[in-house]
């Protein structure tokens, strides 16, 4: 069994356990009072979506971004939610049913293996890609599927620059995450595949919002 398979299975087990109470516990992530909802709204605005657009939510979890995306693309738009874990998608399906949304498709897939629809108008990932070792491949695959002018936005956590390890650890949870610096890999991949990249540090450098578009 490869390390990738082991990591993937561990993530599936972890999020199966979390799925039932994820919406509640996510309000405490990474610490109580963290402005997660405001950051999600900012990320969706960075996509500059319009009514009728198609958007992919990578690692959508229980669908916490869906209401924001629905307001952006409207009932004529299309949302594709992708997640690795069946239990998380089950909660997302329940959210869709409760809200009466009819324009959301759910796909169970690893982010690295997901085949993006062609000519999508926006791709979003929130608090997820930092857990994907091959996050650069996900960025590149998504960028290739964007329509001209389509936008990619990544919102995720990072360790504050020059922060002592004891302070950074609550935001990364483990030393390996901090040492790997996945936010740097995301930035490099977006710089290589997208134009007019913007990089905004949030909440005193504990998070970032990166957004860019595909040119001609």
N, C-alpha and C. Protein backbone atom coordinates (compact mmCIF):
# COMPACT_ATOMS: atom_id res chain seq x y z
N UNK A 1 0.85 -1.20 0.00
CA UNK A 1 0.00 0.00 0.00
C UNK A 1 0.88 1.24 0.00
N UNK A 2 0.60 2.18 -0.91
CA UNK A 2 1.41 3.37 -1.00
C UNK A 2 1.06 4.35 0.10
N UNK A 3 1.97 5.31 0.30
CA UNK A 3 1.71 6.34 1.31
C UNK A 3 0.48 7.16 0.94
N UNK A 4 0.28 7.39 -0.38
CA UNK A 4 -0.87 8.16 -0.82
C UNK A 4 -2.15 7.45 -0.43
N UNK A 5 -2.21 6.12 -0.67
CA UNK A 5 -3.39 5.35 -0.31
C UNK A 5 -3.64 5.41 1.18
N UNK A 6 -2.57 5.29 1.97
CA UNK A 6 -2.70 5.34 3.42
C UNK A 6 -3.24 6.69 3.87
N UNK A 7 -2.71 7.76 3.33
CA UNK A 7 -3.17 9.10 3.69
C UNK A 7 -4.62 9.29 3.29
N UNK A 8 -5.00 8.85 2.11
CA UNK A 8 -6.37 8.99 1.63
C UNK A 8 -7.34 8.23 2.53
N UNK A 9 -6.99 7.01 2.88
CA UNK A 9 -7.86 6.23 3.75
C UNK A 9 -7.99 6.86 5.14
N UNK A 10 -6.89 7.43 5.62
CA UNK A 10 -6.94 8.10 6.92
C UNK A 10 -7.87 9.31 6.87
N UNK A 11 -7.81 10.08 5.78
CA UNK A 11 -8.68 11.23 5.64
C UNK A 11 -10.15 10.82 5.57
N UNK A 12 -10.42 9.74 4.83
CA UNK A 12 -11.80 9.26 4.72
C UNK A 12 -12.32 8.85 6.09
N UNK A 13 -11.52 8.11 6.84
CA UNK A 13 -11.95 7.69 8.19
C UNK A 13 -12.19 8.90 9.08
N UNK A 14 -11.28 9.86 9.00
CA UNK A 14 -11.40 11.05 9.86
C UNK A 14 -12.67 11.82 9.57
N UNK A 15 -12.94 12.06 8.28
CA UNK A 15 -14.09 12.89 7.94
C UNK A 15 -15.41 12.13 7.99
N UNK A 16 -15.36 10.81 7.93
CA UNK A 16 -16.58 10.05 8.20
C UNK A 16 -17.02 10.25 9.65
N UNK A 17 -16.04 10.29 10.53
CA UNK A 17 -16.37 10.50 11.94
C UNK A 17 -16.86 11.92 12.19
N UNK A 18 -16.31 12.88 11.44
CA UNK A 18 -16.64 14.28 11.66
C UNK A 18 -17.93 14.71 10.98
N UNK A 19 -18.36 13.97 9.97
CA UNK A 19 -19.43 14.43 9.09
C UNK A 19 -20.69 14.84 9.83
N UNK A 20 -21.14 14.04 10.77
CA UNK A 20 -22.42 14.29 11.42
C UNK A 20 -22.46 15.64 12.12
N UNK A 21 -21.35 16.03 12.75
CA UNK A 21 -21.33 17.27 13.52
C UNK A 21 -20.43 18.32 12.89
N UNK A 22 -20.08 18.12 11.61
CA UNK A 22 -19.08 18.99 10.99
C UNK A 22 -19.52 20.45 10.94
N UNK A 23 -20.79 20.69 10.61
CA UNK A 23 -21.25 22.07 10.49
C UNK A 23 -21.08 22.83 11.81
N UNK A 24 -21.30 22.13 12.92
CA UNK A 24 -21.16 22.76 14.23
C UNK A 24 -19.69 22.94 14.60
N UNK A 25 -18.91 21.88 14.45
CA UNK A 25 -17.51 21.95 14.88
C UNK A 25 -16.69 22.87 13.97
N UNK A 26 -17.12 23.04 12.72
CA UNK A 26 -16.37 23.91 11.81
C UNK A 26 -16.38 25.36 12.28
N UNK A 27 -17.37 25.71 13.09
CA UNK A 27 -17.42 27.07 13.62
C UNK A 27 -16.31 27.32 14.64
N UNK A 28 -15.71 26.24 15.12
CA UNK A 28 -14.62 26.36 16.09
C UNK A 28 -13.25 26.20 15.43
N UNK A 29 -13.24 26.09 14.08
CA UNK A 29 -12.01 25.81 13.35
C UNK A 29 -11.45 27.09 12.75
N UNK A 30 -10.15 27.34 12.92
CA UNK A 30 -9.18 26.57 13.70
C UNK A 30 -9.24 26.87 15.19
N UNK A 31 -9.88 28.02 15.54
CA UNK A 31 -10.07 28.38 16.94
C UNK A 31 -11.44 29.03 17.06
N UNK A 32 -12.06 28.99 18.24
CA UNK A 32 -13.36 29.65 18.41
C UNK A 32 -13.29 31.13 18.04
N UNK A 33 -14.31 31.59 17.33
CA UNK A 33 -14.37 32.99 16.95
C UNK A 33 -13.65 33.33 15.66
N UNK A 34 -13.05 32.35 15.01
CA UNK A 34 -12.33 32.62 13.76
C UNK A 34 -13.34 33.07 12.69
N UNK A 35 -13.02 34.10 11.89
CA UNK A 35 -13.99 34.67 10.95
C UNK A 35 -14.16 33.84 9.68
N UNK A 36 -14.51 32.59 9.86
CA UNK A 36 -14.57 31.69 8.72
C UNK A 36 -15.65 32.08 7.71
N UNK A 37 -16.83 32.43 8.19
CA UNK A 37 -17.92 32.78 7.28
C UNK A 37 -17.56 34.00 6.44
N UNK A 38 -16.98 35.00 7.07
CA UNK A 38 -16.59 36.20 6.34
C UNK A 38 -15.52 35.88 5.30
N UNK A 39 -14.59 34.99 5.65
CA UNK A 39 -13.55 34.62 4.71
C UNK A 39 -14.12 33.84 3.53
N UNK A 40 -15.08 32.96 3.78
CA UNK A 40 -15.72 32.22 2.69
C UNK A 40 -16.43 33.19 1.74
N UNK A 41 -17.13 34.17 2.28
CA UNK A 41 -17.81 35.15 1.45
C UNK A 41 -16.81 35.92 0.59
N UNK A 42 -15.68 36.27 1.17
CA UNK A 42 -14.65 36.99 0.44
C UNK A 42 -14.10 36.14 -0.70
N UNK A 43 -13.94 34.85 -0.45
CA UNK A 43 -13.43 33.94 -1.48
C UNK A 43 -14.41 33.83 -2.65
N UNK A 44 -15.69 33.73 -2.35
CA UNK A 44 -16.69 33.64 -3.42
C UNK A 44 -16.71 34.94 -4.23
N UNK A 45 -16.61 36.07 -3.56
CA UNK A 45 -16.58 37.35 -4.29
C UNK A 45 -15.37 37.43 -5.22
N UNK A 46 -14.26 36.81 -4.81
CA UNK A 46 -13.05 36.83 -5.63
C UNK A 46 -13.23 36.10 -6.95
N UNK A 47 -14.22 35.22 -7.03
CA UNK A 47 -14.48 34.49 -8.27
C UNK A 47 -15.20 35.35 -9.31
N UNK A 48 -15.82 36.43 -8.88
CA UNK A 48 -16.54 37.33 -9.79
C UNK A 48 -17.53 36.54 -10.65
N UNK A 49 -18.33 35.72 -10.00
CA UNK A 49 -19.31 34.89 -10.71
C UNK A 49 -20.52 35.73 -11.12
N UNK A 50 -21.23 35.23 -12.15
CA UNK A 50 -22.42 35.90 -12.65
C UNK A 50 -23.55 34.88 -12.77
N UNK A 51 -24.79 35.35 -12.78
CA UNK A 51 -25.92 34.42 -12.94
C UNK A 51 -25.74 33.56 -14.19
N UNK A 52 -25.97 32.25 -14.02
CA UNK A 52 -25.83 31.31 -15.12
C UNK A 52 -24.47 30.67 -15.23
N UNK A 53 -23.50 31.10 -14.42
CA UNK A 53 -22.15 30.53 -14.47
C UNK A 53 -22.11 29.12 -13.89
N UNK A 54 -21.04 28.42 -14.24
CA UNK A 54 -20.75 27.10 -13.69
C UNK A 54 -19.54 27.20 -12.78
N UNK A 55 -19.64 26.65 -11.57
CA UNK A 55 -18.55 26.73 -10.60
C UNK A 55 -18.35 25.37 -9.95
N UNK A 56 -17.09 25.03 -9.70
CA UNK A 56 -16.73 23.78 -9.03
C UNK A 56 -16.22 24.11 -7.63
N UNK A 57 -16.78 23.43 -6.64
CA UNK A 57 -16.35 23.59 -5.25
C UNK A 57 -15.53 22.35 -4.89
N UNK A 58 -14.22 22.49 -4.85
CA UNK A 58 -13.30 21.37 -4.60
C UNK A 58 -13.21 21.11 -3.11
N UNK A 59 -13.40 19.85 -2.73
CA UNK A 59 -13.45 19.46 -1.32
C UNK A 59 -14.57 20.24 -0.62
N UNK A 60 -15.76 20.09 -1.15
CA UNK A 60 -16.90 20.88 -0.71
C UNK A 60 -17.40 20.50 0.67
N UNK A 61 -17.01 19.32 1.17
CA UNK A 61 -17.46 18.90 2.49
C UNK A 61 -18.98 18.79 2.55
N UNK A 62 -19.57 19.39 3.57
CA UNK A 62 -21.02 19.32 3.74
C UNK A 62 -21.76 20.41 2.98
N UNK A 63 -21.05 21.16 2.17
CA UNK A 63 -21.69 22.19 1.36
C UNK A 63 -21.82 23.54 2.03
N UNK A 64 -20.89 23.88 2.88
CA UNK A 64 -20.97 25.16 3.58
C UNK A 64 -20.87 26.36 2.63
N UNK A 65 -20.29 26.16 1.46
CA UNK A 65 -20.20 27.26 0.49
C UNK A 65 -21.41 27.36 -0.43
N UNK A 66 -22.28 26.38 -0.41
CA UNK A 66 -23.33 26.30 -1.43
C UNK A 66 -24.27 27.50 -1.43
N UNK A 67 -24.66 27.96 -0.26
CA UNK A 67 -25.60 29.09 -0.23
C UNK A 67 -24.96 30.34 -0.83
N UNK A 68 -23.68 30.54 -0.56
CA UNK A 68 -22.96 31.68 -1.12
C UNK A 68 -22.85 31.56 -2.64
N UNK A 69 -22.55 30.36 -3.11
CA UNK A 69 -22.42 30.13 -4.55
C UNK A 69 -23.77 30.23 -5.25
N UNK A 70 -24.82 29.75 -4.59
CA UNK A 70 -26.16 29.86 -5.17
C UNK A 70 -26.55 31.30 -5.41
N UNK A 71 -26.25 32.16 -4.44
CA UNK A 71 -26.58 33.57 -4.61
C UNK A 71 -25.80 34.18 -5.77
N UNK A 72 -24.61 33.66 -6.01
CA UNK A 72 -23.77 34.22 -7.07
C UNK A 72 -24.20 33.77 -8.47
N UNK A 73 -24.51 32.48 -8.63
CA UNK A 73 -24.80 31.96 -9.97
C UNK A 73 -26.29 31.86 -10.26
N UNK A 74 -27.12 31.90 -9.22
CA UNK A 74 -28.56 31.86 -9.41
C UNK A 74 -29.05 30.49 -9.85
N UNK A 75 -30.36 30.35 -10.00
CA UNK A 75 -30.94 29.04 -10.34
C UNK A 75 -30.57 28.55 -11.74
N UNK A 76 -30.17 29.46 -12.63
CA UNK A 76 -29.75 29.04 -13.97
C UNK A 76 -28.29 28.61 -14.01
N UNK A 77 -27.56 28.86 -12.94
CA UNK A 77 -26.17 28.44 -12.87
C UNK A 77 -26.04 26.99 -12.46
N UNK A 78 -24.81 26.51 -12.42
CA UNK A 78 -24.54 25.12 -12.06
C UNK A 78 -23.40 25.08 -11.06
N UNK A 79 -23.58 24.28 -10.03
CA UNK A 79 -22.55 24.08 -9.01
C UNK A 79 -22.20 22.59 -8.98
N UNK A 80 -20.91 22.31 -9.00
CA UNK A 80 -20.43 20.92 -8.87
C UNK A 80 -19.63 20.83 -7.58
N UNK A 81 -20.11 20.03 -6.66
CA UNK A 81 -19.42 19.83 -5.39
C UNK A 81 -18.65 18.53 -5.41
N UNK A 82 -17.36 18.60 -5.12
CA UNK A 82 -16.48 17.42 -5.17
C UNK A 82 -15.92 17.17 -3.78
N UNK A 83 -15.98 15.93 -3.33
CA UNK A 83 -15.39 15.59 -2.04
C UNK A 83 -14.97 14.13 -2.02
N UNK A 84 -13.98 13.85 -1.19
CA UNK A 84 -13.44 12.50 -1.09
C UNK A 84 -14.32 11.57 -0.28
N UNK A 85 -15.07 12.12 0.67
CA UNK A 85 -15.72 11.30 1.69
C UNK A 85 -17.21 11.19 1.47
N UNK A 86 -17.70 9.95 1.44
CA UNK A 86 -19.12 9.70 1.19
C UNK A 86 -20.01 10.31 2.28
N UNK A 87 -19.57 10.25 3.51
CA UNK A 87 -20.39 10.78 4.61
C UNK A 87 -20.54 12.29 4.51
N UNK A 88 -19.49 12.98 4.11
CA UNK A 88 -19.57 14.43 3.95
C UNK A 88 -20.52 14.78 2.81
N UNK A 89 -20.44 14.04 1.72
CA UNK A 89 -21.34 14.27 0.60
C UNK A 89 -22.78 13.95 0.98
N UNK A 90 -22.97 12.98 1.87
CA UNK A 90 -24.30 12.68 2.35
C UNK A 90 -24.92 13.87 3.06
N UNK A 91 -24.12 14.54 3.88
CA UNK A 91 -24.61 15.74 4.57
C UNK A 91 -24.84 16.87 3.56
N UNK A 92 -23.99 16.95 2.54
CA UNK A 92 -24.18 17.97 1.50
C UNK A 92 -25.49 17.73 0.75
N UNK A 93 -25.79 16.46 0.45
CA UNK A 93 -27.03 16.12 -0.24
C UNK A 93 -28.24 16.50 0.60
N UNK A 94 -28.13 16.30 1.90
CA UNK A 94 -29.22 16.68 2.80
C UNK A 94 -29.42 18.20 2.78
N UNK A 95 -28.33 18.94 2.76
CA UNK A 95 -28.41 20.40 2.70
C UNK A 95 -29.10 20.84 1.40
N UNK A 96 -28.74 20.20 0.30
CA UNK A 96 -29.34 20.52 -0.99
C UNK A 96 -30.84 20.28 -0.96
N UNK A 97 -31.24 19.14 -0.42
CA UNK A 97 -32.66 18.80 -0.36
C UNK A 97 -33.43 19.77 0.52
N UNK A 98 -32.86 20.11 1.67
CA UNK A 98 -33.54 21.01 2.60
C UNK A 98 -33.77 22.39 2.01
N UNK A 99 -32.85 22.82 1.13
CA UNK A 99 -32.96 24.14 0.53
C UNK A 99 -33.66 24.14 -0.82
N UNK A 100 -33.97 22.96 -1.33
CA UNK A 100 -34.67 22.87 -2.60
C UNK A 100 -33.83 23.27 -3.80
N UNK A 101 -32.52 23.17 -3.69
CA UNK A 101 -31.65 23.51 -4.82
C UNK A 101 -31.68 22.38 -5.84
N UNK A 102 -31.77 22.73 -7.09
CA UNK A 102 -31.86 21.72 -8.15
C UNK A 102 -30.70 21.81 -9.14
N UNK A 103 -29.76 22.66 -8.88
CA UNK A 103 -28.67 22.90 -9.84
C UNK A 103 -27.31 22.52 -9.28
N UNK A 104 -27.27 21.61 -8.31
CA UNK A 104 -26.00 21.19 -7.71
C UNK A 104 -25.79 19.70 -7.95
N UNK A 105 -24.66 19.36 -8.52
CA UNK A 105 -24.25 17.97 -8.71
C UNK A 105 -23.13 17.64 -7.73
N UNK A 106 -23.19 16.46 -7.12
CA UNK A 106 -22.17 16.02 -6.18
C UNK A 106 -21.36 14.88 -6.79
N UNK A 107 -20.05 14.95 -6.62
CA UNK A 107 -19.15 13.94 -7.17
C UNK A 107 -18.21 13.48 -6.07
N UNK A 108 -18.15 12.17 -5.84
CA UNK A 108 -17.19 11.64 -4.88
C UNK A 108 -15.89 11.33 -5.61
N UNK A 109 -14.84 12.05 -5.25
CA UNK A 109 -13.55 11.87 -5.92
C UNK A 109 -12.46 12.52 -5.10
N UNK A 110 -11.28 11.95 -5.18
CA UNK A 110 -10.10 12.63 -4.68
C UNK A 110 -9.86 13.86 -5.55
N UNK A 111 -9.46 14.96 -4.94
CA UNK A 111 -9.27 16.19 -5.69
C UNK A 111 -8.24 16.03 -6.81
N UNK A 112 -7.21 15.22 -6.55
CA UNK A 112 -6.16 15.04 -7.56
C UNK A 112 -6.66 14.27 -8.77
N UNK A 113 -7.58 13.33 -8.56
CA UNK A 113 -8.08 12.48 -9.65
C UNK A 113 -9.31 13.06 -10.35
N UNK A 114 -9.90 14.09 -9.79
CA UNK A 114 -11.13 14.63 -10.35
C UNK A 114 -10.89 15.21 -11.74
N UNK A 115 -11.78 14.86 -12.66
CA UNK A 115 -11.72 15.40 -14.03
C UNK A 115 -12.67 16.60 -14.08
N UNK A 116 -12.11 17.78 -14.15
CA UNK A 116 -12.91 18.99 -14.15
C UNK A 116 -13.74 19.09 -15.43
N UNK A 117 -14.97 19.59 -15.32
CA UNK A 117 -15.73 19.89 -16.54
C UNK A 117 -14.98 20.94 -17.34
N UNK A 118 -15.18 20.94 -18.64
CA UNK A 118 -14.50 21.93 -19.47
C UNK A 118 -15.25 23.26 -19.45
N UNK A 119 -14.50 24.31 -19.64
CA UNK A 119 -15.07 25.65 -19.76
C UNK A 119 -15.88 26.07 -18.54
N UNK A 120 -15.36 25.77 -17.34
CA UNK A 120 -16.05 26.23 -16.13
C UNK A 120 -15.66 27.68 -15.88
N UNK A 121 -16.56 28.40 -15.21
CA UNK A 121 -16.35 29.82 -14.98
C UNK A 121 -15.62 30.12 -13.68
N UNK A 122 -15.66 29.20 -12.75
CA UNK A 122 -14.98 29.42 -11.48
C UNK A 122 -14.70 28.12 -10.76
N UNK A 123 -13.62 28.12 -10.00
CA UNK A 123 -13.26 26.97 -9.16
C UNK A 123 -12.89 27.52 -7.79
N UNK A 124 -13.43 26.89 -6.77
CA UNK A 124 -13.23 27.34 -5.40
C UNK A 124 -12.77 26.19 -4.52
N UNK A 125 -11.87 26.48 -3.61
CA UNK A 125 -11.51 25.51 -2.58
C UNK A 125 -11.28 26.27 -1.28
N UNK A 126 -11.94 25.84 -0.20
CA UNK A 126 -11.82 26.53 1.07
C UNK A 126 -11.36 25.58 2.17
N UNK A 127 -10.29 25.94 2.83
CA UNK A 127 -9.75 25.20 3.98
C UNK A 127 -9.55 23.71 3.66
N UNK A 128 -9.02 23.41 2.49
CA UNK A 128 -8.90 22.01 2.09
C UNK A 128 -7.60 21.66 1.40
N UNK A 129 -7.13 22.48 0.46
CA UNK A 129 -5.99 22.08 -0.35
C UNK A 129 -4.70 21.94 0.45
N UNK A 130 -4.63 22.57 1.61
CA UNK A 130 -3.41 22.43 2.42
C UNK A 130 -3.25 21.01 2.94
N UNK A 131 -4.31 20.21 2.86
CA UNK A 131 -4.24 18.81 3.28
C UNK A 131 -3.96 17.86 2.11
N UNK A 132 -3.84 18.41 0.91
CA UNK A 132 -3.61 17.61 -0.29
C UNK A 132 -2.15 17.75 -0.70
N UNK A 133 -1.41 16.65 -0.61
CA UNK A 133 0.03 16.71 -0.89
C UNK A 133 0.29 17.20 -2.32
N UNK A 134 -0.53 16.77 -3.27
CA UNK A 134 -0.35 17.16 -4.66
C UNK A 134 -1.24 18.35 -5.02
N UNK A 135 -1.30 19.33 -4.13
CA UNK A 135 -2.19 20.48 -4.35
C UNK A 135 -1.83 21.22 -5.63
N UNK A 136 -0.57 21.22 -6.00
CA UNK A 136 -0.16 21.90 -7.23
C UNK A 136 -0.79 21.27 -8.46
N UNK A 137 -0.94 19.95 -8.46
CA UNK A 137 -1.59 19.26 -9.58
C UNK A 137 -3.06 19.63 -9.66
N UNK A 138 -3.71 19.75 -8.50
CA UNK A 138 -5.12 20.14 -8.48
C UNK A 138 -5.29 21.53 -9.08
N UNK A 139 -4.41 22.45 -8.70
CA UNK A 139 -4.45 23.81 -9.24
C UNK A 139 -4.28 23.78 -10.76
N UNK A 140 -3.29 23.04 -11.24
CA UNK A 140 -3.01 23.00 -12.68
C UNK A 140 -4.16 22.36 -13.45
N UNK A 141 -4.72 21.27 -12.94
CA UNK A 141 -5.83 20.60 -13.62
C UNK A 141 -7.04 21.53 -13.71
N UNK A 142 -7.30 22.24 -12.63
CA UNK A 142 -8.43 23.16 -12.64
C UNK A 142 -8.20 24.32 -13.58
N UNK A 143 -6.99 24.87 -13.57
CA UNK A 143 -6.68 26.01 -14.44
C UNK A 143 -6.88 25.66 -15.91
N UNK A 144 -6.53 24.43 -16.27
CA UNK A 144 -6.67 24.00 -17.67
C UNK A 144 -8.13 23.89 -18.08
N UNK A 145 -9.03 23.70 -17.12
CA UNK A 145 -10.45 23.53 -17.43
C UNK A 145 -11.21 24.84 -17.44
N UNK A 146 -10.61 25.91 -16.97
CA UNK A 146 -11.31 27.18 -16.90
C UNK A 146 -11.57 27.77 -18.30
N UNK A 147 -12.69 28.45 -18.41
CA UNK A 147 -12.95 29.20 -19.62
C UNK A 147 -12.07 30.45 -19.65
N UNK A 148 -11.99 31.12 -20.76
CA UNK A 148 -11.21 32.35 -20.82
C UNK A 148 -11.79 33.36 -19.82
N UNK A 149 -10.96 33.83 -18.95
CA UNK A 149 -11.41 34.74 -17.91
C UNK A 149 -11.96 34.06 -16.67
N UNK A 150 -12.09 32.73 -16.72
CA UNK A 150 -12.55 32.00 -15.54
C UNK A 150 -11.56 32.12 -14.39
N UNK A 151 -12.05 32.03 -13.18
CA UNK A 151 -11.21 32.32 -12.03
C UNK A 151 -11.12 31.14 -11.06
N UNK A 152 -9.95 31.02 -10.46
CA UNK A 152 -9.63 30.03 -9.42
C UNK A 152 -9.44 30.81 -8.13
N UNK A 153 -10.06 30.37 -7.03
CA UNK A 153 -9.85 31.01 -5.74
C UNK A 153 -9.59 29.93 -4.69
N UNK A 154 -8.55 30.13 -3.93
CA UNK A 154 -8.18 29.21 -2.85
C UNK A 154 -8.11 29.98 -1.54
N UNK A 155 -8.91 29.55 -0.60
CA UNK A 155 -8.88 30.09 0.76
C UNK A 155 -8.41 28.98 1.68
N UNK A 156 -7.36 29.24 2.45
CA UNK A 156 -6.84 28.18 3.31
C UNK A 156 -6.05 28.78 4.45
N UNK A 157 -5.68 27.91 5.36
CA UNK A 157 -4.89 28.34 6.51
C UNK A 157 -3.41 28.29 6.19
N UNK A 158 -2.64 29.04 6.96
CA UNK A 158 -1.19 29.02 6.85
C UNK A 158 -0.60 29.38 8.21
N UNK A 159 0.65 29.08 8.38
CA UNK A 159 1.35 29.53 9.58
C UNK A 159 1.79 30.97 9.37
N UNK A 160 1.60 31.82 10.35
CA UNK A 160 2.05 33.22 10.20
C UNK A 160 3.55 33.27 9.92
N UNK A 161 3.96 34.18 9.06
CA UNK A 161 5.38 34.32 8.76
C UNK A 161 6.16 34.69 10.01
N UNK A 162 7.30 34.04 10.17
CA UNK A 162 8.22 34.32 11.28
C UNK A 162 7.59 34.08 12.66
N UNK A 163 6.54 33.28 12.70
CA UNK A 163 5.91 32.99 13.99
C UNK A 163 6.67 31.88 14.69
N UNK A 164 6.79 31.95 16.01
CA UNK A 164 7.40 30.85 16.73
C UNK A 164 6.57 29.58 16.58
N UNK A 165 7.20 28.42 16.62
CA UNK A 165 6.51 27.16 16.37
C UNK A 165 5.33 26.96 17.31
N UNK A 166 5.46 27.35 18.56
CA UNK A 166 4.37 27.11 19.49
C UNK A 166 3.13 27.92 19.13
N UNK A 167 3.34 29.10 18.47
CA UNK A 167 2.20 29.90 18.07
C UNK A 167 1.58 29.40 16.79
N UNK A 168 2.41 28.93 15.86
CA UNK A 168 1.91 28.46 14.57
C UNK A 168 1.20 27.13 14.68
N UNK A 169 1.58 26.32 15.64
CA UNK A 169 1.05 24.96 15.70
C UNK A 169 -0.47 24.88 15.77
N UNK A 170 -1.18 25.71 16.52
CA UNK A 170 -2.63 25.57 16.54
C UNK A 170 -3.29 25.74 15.18
N UNK A 171 -2.61 26.47 14.27
CA UNK A 171 -3.20 26.70 12.97
C UNK A 171 -2.82 25.60 11.99
N UNK A 172 -1.79 24.81 12.28
CA UNK A 172 -1.38 23.75 11.40
C UNK A 172 -1.57 22.39 11.98
N UNK A 173 -1.76 22.31 13.29
CA UNK A 173 -2.05 21.09 14.03
C UNK A 173 -0.84 20.19 14.21
N UNK A 174 -0.03 20.02 13.18
CA UNK A 174 1.10 19.11 13.28
C UNK A 174 2.33 19.75 12.66
N UNK A 175 3.48 19.31 13.17
CA UNK A 175 4.75 19.85 12.69
C UNK A 175 4.95 19.59 11.20
N UNK A 176 4.50 18.43 10.74
CA UNK A 176 4.70 18.08 9.33
C UNK A 176 4.02 19.08 8.41
N UNK A 177 2.84 19.53 8.80
CA UNK A 177 2.08 20.50 7.98
C UNK A 177 2.85 21.81 7.89
N UNK A 178 3.39 22.25 9.02
CA UNK A 178 4.14 23.50 9.03
C UNK A 178 5.41 23.37 8.20
N UNK A 179 6.10 22.24 8.35
CA UNK A 179 7.34 22.05 7.61
C UNK A 179 7.09 21.95 6.11
N UNK A 180 5.96 21.39 5.73
CA UNK A 180 5.64 21.21 4.31
C UNK A 180 5.26 22.52 3.63
N UNK A 181 4.74 23.47 4.38
CA UNK A 181 4.35 24.78 3.86
C UNK A 181 3.49 24.67 2.60
N UNK A 182 2.32 24.02 2.70
CA UNK A 182 1.50 23.82 1.51
C UNK A 182 1.02 25.11 0.88
N UNK A 183 0.88 26.17 1.67
CA UNK A 183 0.45 27.45 1.10
C UNK A 183 1.45 27.97 0.08
N UNK A 184 2.73 27.67 0.28
CA UNK A 184 3.74 28.09 -0.69
C UNK A 184 3.58 27.32 -1.99
N UNK A 185 3.25 26.03 -1.90
CA UNK A 185 3.04 25.23 -3.10
C UNK A 185 1.82 25.71 -3.88
N UNK A 186 0.77 26.10 -3.15
CA UNK A 186 -0.42 26.64 -3.81
C UNK A 186 -0.05 27.92 -4.57
N UNK A 187 0.71 28.79 -3.93
CA UNK A 187 1.06 30.06 -4.56
C UNK A 187 1.88 29.84 -5.82
N UNK A 188 2.87 28.95 -5.76
CA UNK A 188 3.72 28.69 -6.92
C UNK A 188 2.88 28.13 -8.07
N UNK A 189 2.00 27.17 -7.76
CA UNK A 189 1.18 26.55 -8.81
C UNK A 189 0.25 27.58 -9.45
N UNK A 190 -0.31 28.47 -8.67
CA UNK A 190 -1.20 29.47 -9.23
C UNK A 190 -0.44 30.50 -10.05
N UNK A 191 0.76 30.85 -9.61
CA UNK A 191 1.58 31.78 -10.39
C UNK A 191 1.96 31.18 -11.74
N UNK A 192 2.15 29.86 -11.78
CA UNK A 192 2.58 29.19 -13.01
C UNK A 192 1.44 28.98 -13.99
N UNK A 193 0.20 28.92 -13.52
CA UNK A 193 -0.91 28.51 -14.39
C UNK A 193 -1.97 29.58 -14.59
N UNK A 194 -1.93 30.66 -13.82
CA UNK A 194 -2.97 31.68 -13.88
C UNK A 194 -2.37 33.07 -14.07
N UNK A 195 -3.19 33.99 -14.52
CA UNK A 195 -2.75 35.36 -14.65
C UNK A 195 -3.31 36.23 -13.55
N UNK A 196 -2.85 37.44 -13.46
CA UNK A 196 -3.26 38.46 -12.50
C UNK A 196 -3.54 37.89 -11.11
N UNK A 197 -2.59 37.11 -10.62
CA UNK A 197 -2.77 36.48 -9.31
C UNK A 197 -2.75 37.52 -8.20
N UNK A 198 -3.72 37.40 -7.31
CA UNK A 198 -3.73 38.22 -6.10
C UNK A 198 -3.53 37.30 -4.90
N UNK A 199 -2.80 37.79 -3.92
CA UNK A 199 -2.51 37.01 -2.71
C UNK A 199 -2.78 37.93 -1.52
N UNK A 200 -3.76 37.54 -0.71
CA UNK A 200 -4.15 38.36 0.43
C UNK A 200 -4.02 37.56 1.71
N UNK A 201 -3.25 38.08 2.64
CA UNK A 201 -3.13 37.41 3.94
C UNK A 201 -4.25 37.89 4.85
N UNK A 202 -4.85 36.96 5.57
CA UNK A 202 -6.01 37.25 6.40
C UNK A 202 -5.74 36.87 7.85
N UNK A 203 -6.47 37.51 8.76
CA UNK A 203 -6.43 37.16 10.18
C UNK A 203 -4.99 37.06 10.70
N UNK A 204 -4.25 38.15 10.51
CA UNK A 204 -2.88 38.24 11.03
C UNK A 204 -1.96 37.16 10.46
N UNK A 205 -2.18 36.82 9.20
CA UNK A 205 -1.31 35.86 8.53
C UNK A 205 -1.60 34.41 8.83
N UNK A 206 -2.74 34.12 9.46
CA UNK A 206 -3.09 32.73 9.75
C UNK A 206 -3.89 32.09 8.62
N UNK A 207 -4.23 32.88 7.60
CA UNK A 207 -4.95 32.37 6.44
C UNK A 207 -4.55 33.20 5.23
N UNK A 208 -4.92 32.70 4.04
CA UNK A 208 -4.64 33.44 2.82
C UNK A 208 -5.78 33.21 1.84
N UNK A 209 -5.96 34.18 0.98
CA UNK A 209 -6.88 34.06 -0.15
C UNK A 209 -6.09 34.35 -1.41
N UNK A 210 -5.97 33.34 -2.26
CA UNK A 210 -5.27 33.49 -3.53
C UNK A 210 -6.28 33.35 -4.66
N UNK A 211 -6.23 34.24 -5.63
CA UNK A 211 -7.17 34.20 -6.74
C UNK A 211 -6.50 34.67 -8.01
N UNK A 212 -6.82 33.98 -9.11
CA UNK A 212 -6.28 34.36 -10.40
C UNK A 212 -7.20 33.87 -11.49
N UNK A 213 -6.94 34.32 -12.72
CA UNK A 213 -7.81 33.97 -13.84
C UNK A 213 -7.02 33.38 -14.99
N UNK A 214 -7.74 32.67 -15.84
CA UNK A 214 -7.12 32.12 -17.04
C UNK A 214 -7.23 33.13 -18.17
N UNK A 215 -6.12 33.39 -18.81
CA UNK A 215 -6.12 34.32 -19.92
C UNK A 215 -6.54 33.65 -21.20
N UNK A 216 -6.22 34.29 -22.32
CA UNK A 216 -6.60 33.77 -23.62
C UNK A 216 -5.89 32.46 -23.89
